[in-house]
Amino acid sequence: MKLNLGAGPNWECDGWSILDHKIKKNSKTRIAGDLNDIKIKKNSCSTVFISHTLEHIPHIQIQRVLSEINRVMKVGATLRILVPNLEVIANAYVKKDKNFFKKAIDEDHSIRTDLGFGGMMMNFIVSPGQDTTLVNRNLNKFIAGYAHLYAYDFYMMKRLLQIAGFSNIKKKNFCSSKINDYRIPCHVLGMKPKYQNLNNKFYKKNNLIHEYKNGKYNINFKFTGFDKDPLTSLIVEATKKKYIKVTKSNDINYSNKNYNRYAFALTKSPEIKKILRKKKIKL
């Protein structure tokens, strides 16, 4: 199996399967699922691709997600990851690089522009969306929905992959890979396999509809191919060395070098425990 994680229901490619939480009904090549619990047997995948999805995962869960991805891969299989490149974006912010952010907005028309360079940089780290719901401390008031929740540079991603049992971890150039499929950029199915910024100008020019209205997406085309956003993406490939199950003893959330453990403090509150049990939310 060749697996694309978080591709969305409007992506397809011959020989590939996809897993996404937006998929409503399973089929041979489409799997409804959560990256924390991938409903695929261990050692099933010859390669896994995940593009601009890991930044949507709460950093508390990233080790378990990478471990779960590792579990479904064969030993020696290749994982290719794209995430926003924290180092490149932060450097552009520090330098107040107008040209960089102008090109970045052309890559992604959803980047906010009302708060200057800082607002544009932070949009890569925290952004609105529908993947994670933020509620108040008493769990009785909705605040907002979020997409991006974290950002990574190469060192961070390399360490996380090593902890999850991967080796041969390398930074890659856009569409550069020993695997032929990964040399094909993300593009509209039926068009030439040439990368173009998939923004509103492109959609309008080609009579394509890609919009979100009244709680639903309206899209009249499909995507195929792989790498996208060459300016702002960190692209990493790694090889599965061995499977490392996350346990209390190796969970980085409980490391003395990581303050993440404070994030679980609310679960000690009797009031919060009562609310979570009532709402049938697992602790």
Protein backbone atom coordinates (compact mmCIF):
# COMPACT_ATOMS: atom_id res chain seq x y z
CA MET A 1 0.00 0.00 0.00
CA LYS A 2 1.09 3.56 -0.80
CA LEU A 3 -0.66 5.88 1.63
CA ASN A 4 -1.33 9.64 1.58
CA LEU A 5 -2.31 10.89 5.04
CA GLY A 6 -4.57 13.93 5.31
CA ALA A 7 -4.94 14.30 1.55
CA GLY A 8 -8.64 15.17 1.76
CA PRO A 9 -11.51 13.61 -0.18
CA ASN A 10 -10.69 15.58 -3.36
CA TRP A 11 -7.28 14.01 -4.00
CA GLU A 12 -6.61 10.85 -5.99
CA CYS A 13 -3.70 9.13 -7.67
CA ASP A 14 -3.45 5.70 -9.30
CA GLY A 15 -2.02 3.13 -6.94
CA TRP A 16 -2.50 5.27 -3.84
CA SER A 17 -4.84 5.11 -0.87
CA ILE A 18 -5.76 8.06 1.34
CA LEU A 19 -6.71 8.42 4.98
CA ASP A 20 -8.52 11.54 6.13
CA HIS A 21 -10.98 12.50 8.87
CA LYS A 22 -13.17 14.21 6.24
CA ILE A 23 -13.88 10.91 4.48
CA LYS A 24 -17.35 9.72 5.41
CA LYS A 25 -17.39 6.21 3.91
CA ASN A 26 -14.59 3.68 3.55
CA SER A 27 -13.67 2.08 0.23
CA LYS A 28 -10.67 0.15 -1.11
CA THR A 29 -8.60 3.32 -1.49
CA ARG A 30 -10.32 5.72 0.91
CA ILE A 31 -10.10 5.29 4.66
CA ALA A 32 -11.88 7.39 7.25
CA GLY A 33 -9.60 7.85 10.18
CA ASP A 34 -7.56 9.68 12.75
CA LEU A 35 -3.76 9.89 12.71
CA ASN A 36 -3.72 8.87 16.36
CA ASP A 37 -5.35 5.55 15.48
CA ILE A 38 -4.79 4.52 11.84
CA LYS A 39 -7.08 1.62 10.95
CA ILE A 40 -4.45 -0.20 8.90
CA LYS A 41 -2.49 -3.32 9.82
CA LYS A 42 1.13 -2.94 10.88
CA ASN A 43 3.88 -3.23 8.23
CA SER A 44 1.38 -2.56 5.40
CA CYS A 45 2.80 0.49 3.62
CA SER A 46 5.72 0.67 1.20
CA THR A 47 5.69 4.47 1.40
CA VAL A 48 3.72 7.16 3.26
CA PHE A 49 3.23 10.79 2.23
CA ILE A 50 1.91 13.49 4.53
CA SER A 51 1.72 17.08 3.28
CA HIS A 52 0.81 20.09 5.40
CA THR A 53 -1.03 17.99 7.95
CA LEU A 54 1.31 17.52 10.92
CA GLU A 55 1.11 21.24 11.73
CA HIS A 56 -2.61 20.64 12.37
CA ILE A 57 -1.80 18.10 15.08
CA PRO A 58 -1.53 19.35 18.70
CA HIS A 59 2.15 19.15 19.63
CA ILE A 60 1.12 17.05 22.65
CA GLN A 61 0.18 14.27 20.19
CA ILE A 62 2.98 14.49 17.62
CA GLN A 63 5.13 11.68 19.05
CA ARG A 64 2.19 9.27 19.11
CA VAL A 65 1.17 10.25 15.57
CA LEU A 66 4.66 9.63 14.19
CA SER A 67 4.82 6.34 16.08
CA GLU A 68 1.46 5.32 14.60
CA ILE A 69 2.64 6.23 11.08
CA ASN A 70 5.78 4.15 11.73
CA ARG A 71 3.64 1.20 12.85
CA VAL A 72 1.82 0.87 9.51
CA MET A 73 5.03 1.13 7.46
CA LYS A 74 7.27 -1.71 6.37
CA VAL A 75 10.85 -1.69 7.65
CA GLY A 76 12.90 0.26 5.10
CA ALA A 77 9.85 2.10 3.74
CA THR A 78 10.09 5.85 2.98
CA LEU A 79 8.11 8.56 4.75
CA ARG A 80 7.95 11.96 3.03
CA ILE A 81 6.75 14.94 5.08
CA LEU A 82 5.88 18.53 4.16
CA VAL A 83 5.23 21.15 6.85
CA PRO A 84 5.62 24.94 6.99
CA ASN A 85 9.34 25.68 7.39
CA LEU A 86 9.67 27.51 10.70
CA GLU A 87 13.30 28.52 10.12
CA VAL A 88 12.72 30.00 6.66
CA ILE A 89 9.57 31.84 7.73
CA ALA A 90 11.11 33.16 10.97
CA ASN A 91 14.19 34.41 9.11
CA ALA A 92 11.96 36.24 6.64
CA TYR A 93 10.08 37.81 9.56
CA VAL A 94 13.28 38.97 11.30
CA LYS A 95 14.55 40.47 8.03
CA LYS A 96 11.12 41.99 7.27
CA ASP A 97 11.47 40.41 3.84
CA LYS A 98 8.62 41.96 1.81
CA ASN A 99 9.47 39.94 -1.30
CA PHE A 100 9.32 36.64 0.60
CA PHE A 101 5.92 37.32 2.12
CA LYS A 102 4.56 38.63 -1.18
CA LYS A 103 5.50 35.29 -2.76
CA ALA A 104 4.17 33.42 0.29
CA ILE A 105 0.76 35.06 -0.09
CA ASP A 106 0.77 34.06 -3.75
CA GLU A 107 1.37 30.46 -2.66
CA ASP A 108 -1.39 30.62 -0.04
CA HIS A 109 -4.03 33.30 -0.39
CA SER A 110 -5.41 32.54 3.10
CA ILE A 111 -2.44 34.10 4.93
CA ARG A 112 -3.65 37.02 7.04
CA THR A 113 -2.30 40.42 6.07
CA ASP A 114 -3.90 42.76 8.62
CA LEU A 115 -1.16 42.50 11.27
CA GLY A 116 1.96 43.00 9.21
CA PHE A 117 4.95 40.67 9.16
CA GLY A 118 4.19 39.28 12.61
CA GLY A 119 0.65 38.36 11.67
CA MET A 120 1.82 36.67 8.47
CA MET A 121 4.46 34.65 10.31
CA MET A 122 2.08 33.59 13.06
CA ASN A 123 -0.47 32.45 10.48
CA PHE A 124 1.92 29.60 9.64
CA ILE A 125 2.03 28.57 13.32
CA VAL A 126 -1.57 29.13 14.45
CA SER A 127 -4.43 29.54 12.01
CA PRO A 128 -8.22 29.22 11.91
CA GLY A 129 -9.74 25.96 10.72
CA GLN A 130 -11.95 23.00 11.54
CA ASP A 131 -9.57 20.38 12.90
CA THR A 132 -9.35 21.34 16.58
CA THR A 133 -11.97 23.03 18.71
CA LEU A 134 -10.99 25.49 21.43
CA VAL A 135 -13.39 25.86 24.37
CA ASN A 136 -13.02 27.70 27.66
CA ARG A 137 -11.71 26.20 30.89
CA ASN A 138 -15.19 25.22 32.09
CA LEU A 139 -15.93 23.44 28.80
CA ASN A 140 -19.17 25.36 28.33
CA LYS A 141 -18.28 28.03 25.78
CA PHE A 142 -17.01 27.61 22.21
CA ILE A 143 -14.17 29.98 21.34
CA ALA A 144 -12.90 29.04 17.87
CA GLY A 145 -11.80 26.30 15.50
CA TYR A 146 -8.14 25.90 14.55
CA ALA A 147 -6.08 24.41 11.72
CA HIS A 148 -2.38 25.11 12.32
CA LEU A 149 -1.30 24.57 15.91
CA TYR A 150 2.49 24.26 15.75
CA ALA A 151 5.50 24.71 13.48
CA TYR A 152 8.76 22.84 12.94
CA ASP A 153 12.28 23.40 11.69
CA PHE A 154 14.45 20.58 10.38
CA TYR A 155 16.19 19.89 13.70
CA MET A 156 12.86 19.54 15.53
CA MET A 157 11.43 17.21 12.90
CA LYS A 158 14.62 15.13 12.77
CA ARG A 159 14.64 14.60 16.54
CA LEU A 160 10.96 13.64 16.58
CA LEU A 161 11.48 11.17 13.74
CA GLN A 162 14.49 9.62 15.49
CA ILE A 163 12.46 9.21 18.67
CA ALA A 164 9.72 7.51 16.61
CA GLY A 165 12.09 4.92 15.12
CA PHE A 166 13.11 6.52 11.81
CA SER A 167 16.60 6.86 10.35
CA ASN A 168 18.28 8.26 7.21
CA ILE A 169 16.45 11.54 7.85
CA LYS A 170 17.20 14.13 5.18
CA LYS A 171 16.00 17.53 4.06
CA LYS A 172 14.83 17.32 0.45
CA ASN A 173 14.36 19.78 -2.38
CA PHE A 174 10.99 20.34 -4.03
CA CYS A 175 9.95 17.27 -6.06
CA SER A 176 13.38 15.69 -5.52
CA SER A 177 13.25 12.03 -4.54
CA LYS A 178 14.41 8.55 -5.52
CA ILE A 179 10.72 7.62 -5.57
CA ASN A 180 9.26 8.54 -8.96
CA ASP A 181 5.81 9.47 -7.62
CA TYR A 182 7.30 12.23 -5.45
CA ARG A 183 8.75 13.96 -8.49
CA ILE A 184 5.21 14.87 -9.58
CA PRO A 185 4.03 18.15 -8.02
CA CYS A 186 0.57 18.71 -6.64
CA HIS A 187 -1.71 19.89 -9.46
CA VAL A 188 -5.27 19.74 -10.72
CA LEU A 189 -6.20 16.31 -12.03
CA GLY A 190 -6.43 16.43 -15.83
CA MET A 191 -4.01 19.35 -16.20
CA LYS A 192 -0.30 19.12 -17.02
CA PRO A 193 1.80 17.92 -14.06
CA LYS A 194 3.45 21.31 -13.64
CA TYR A 195 3.37 23.12 -10.32
CA GLN A 196 1.34 26.30 -10.15
CA ASN A 197 0.28 28.20 -7.05
CA LEU A 198 -3.18 26.92 -6.20
CA ASN A 199 -4.71 30.24 -5.23
CA ASN A 200 -7.90 32.15 -6.02
CA LYS A 201 -6.34 33.77 -9.12
CA PHE A 202 -5.47 30.35 -10.50
CA TYR A 203 -8.94 28.97 -9.77
CA LYS A 204 -10.66 31.95 -11.42
CA LYS A 205 -8.40 31.84 -14.49
CA ASN A 206 -9.17 28.16 -15.04
CA ASN A 207 -12.92 28.32 -14.19
CA LEU A 208 -12.41 26.20 -11.11
CA ILE A 209 -14.50 26.46 -7.95
CA HIS A 210 -12.82 26.06 -4.56
CA GLU A 211 -14.76 27.81 -1.83
CA TYR A 212 -16.19 27.36 1.66
CA LYS A 213 -19.73 28.62 2.21
CA ASN A 214 -22.42 27.97 4.80
CA GLY A 215 -20.47 25.21 6.51
CA LYS A 216 -19.64 23.27 3.34
CA TYR A 217 -16.85 23.10 0.78
CA ASN A 218 -17.80 23.58 -2.87
CA ILE A 219 -15.09 22.12 -5.15
CA ASN A 220 -15.63 21.11 -8.78
CA PHE A 221 -12.28 19.41 -9.43
CA LYS A 222 -9.78 16.97 -7.92
CA PHE A 223 -6.11 17.24 -6.99
CA THR A 224 -3.33 14.78 -7.71
CA GLY A 225 0.46 14.79 -7.33
CA PHE A 226 2.47 15.50 -4.22
CA ASP A 227 4.77 18.42 -3.22
CA LYS A 228 3.33 21.94 -3.02
CA ASP A 229 4.25 25.39 -1.67
CA PRO A 230 7.98 25.22 -2.55
CA LEU A 231 8.81 28.60 -0.97
CA THR A 232 7.49 27.95 2.54
CA SER A 233 7.65 24.15 2.86
CA LEU A 234 10.12 22.09 4.84
CA ILE A 235 10.40 18.77 2.99
CA VAL A 236 11.82 15.76 4.82
CA GLU A 237 12.28 12.11 3.92
CA ALA A 238 13.03 9.34 6.43
CA THR A 239 13.27 5.56 6.46
CA LYS A 240 11.57 3.28 8.96
CA LYS A 241 14.25 1.60 11.06
CA LYS A 242 12.10 0.02 13.77
CA TYR A 243 8.79 0.48 15.55
CA ILE A 244 8.94 2.22 18.91
CA LYS A 245 5.71 2.13 20.89
CA VAL A 246 5.05 5.20 23.02
CA THR A 247 4.94 4.33 26.72
CA LYS A 248 4.96 6.39 29.91
CA SER A 249 8.71 5.84 30.18
CA ASN A 250 9.60 7.23 26.72
CA ASP A 251 6.75 9.74 26.23
CA ILE A 252 8.41 13.13 25.68
CA ASN A 253 5.39 14.87 27.20
CA TYR A 254 6.59 13.65 30.60
CA SER A 255 10.26 14.50 30.11
CA ASN A 256 11.86 16.86 32.62
CA LYS A 257 13.08 18.83 29.60
CA ASN A 258 9.51 19.43 28.42
CA TYR A 259 6.85 21.49 30.23
CA ASN A 260 4.08 19.69 28.34
CA ARG A 261 3.14 17.74 31.46
CA TYR A 262 1.60 20.94 32.85
CA ALA A 263 -0.92 20.77 29.98
CA PHE A 264 -2.53 17.79 31.71
CA ALA A 265 -2.94 19.57 35.05
CA LEU A 266 -6.63 20.28 34.50
CA THR A 267 -7.39 16.55 34.48
CA LYS A 268 -6.59 16.59 38.23
CA SER A 269 -9.47 18.97 38.89
CA PRO A 270 -12.58 17.16 40.27
CA GLU A 271 -14.81 19.74 38.57
CA ILE A 272 -13.19 19.20 35.17
CA LYS A 273 -13.19 15.42 35.60
CA LYS A 274 -16.91 15.51 36.29
CA ILE A 275 -17.64 17.57 33.16
CA LEU A 276 -15.45 15.34 30.96
CA ARG A 277 -17.12 12.16 32.22
CA LYS A 278 -20.56 13.68 31.70
CA LYS A 279 -19.68 14.56 28.13
CA LYS A 280 -18.06 11.10 27.66
CA ILE A 281 -14.71 12.64 26.80
CA LYS A 282 -11.80 10.26 27.41
CA LEU A 283 -9.06 11.31 29.80
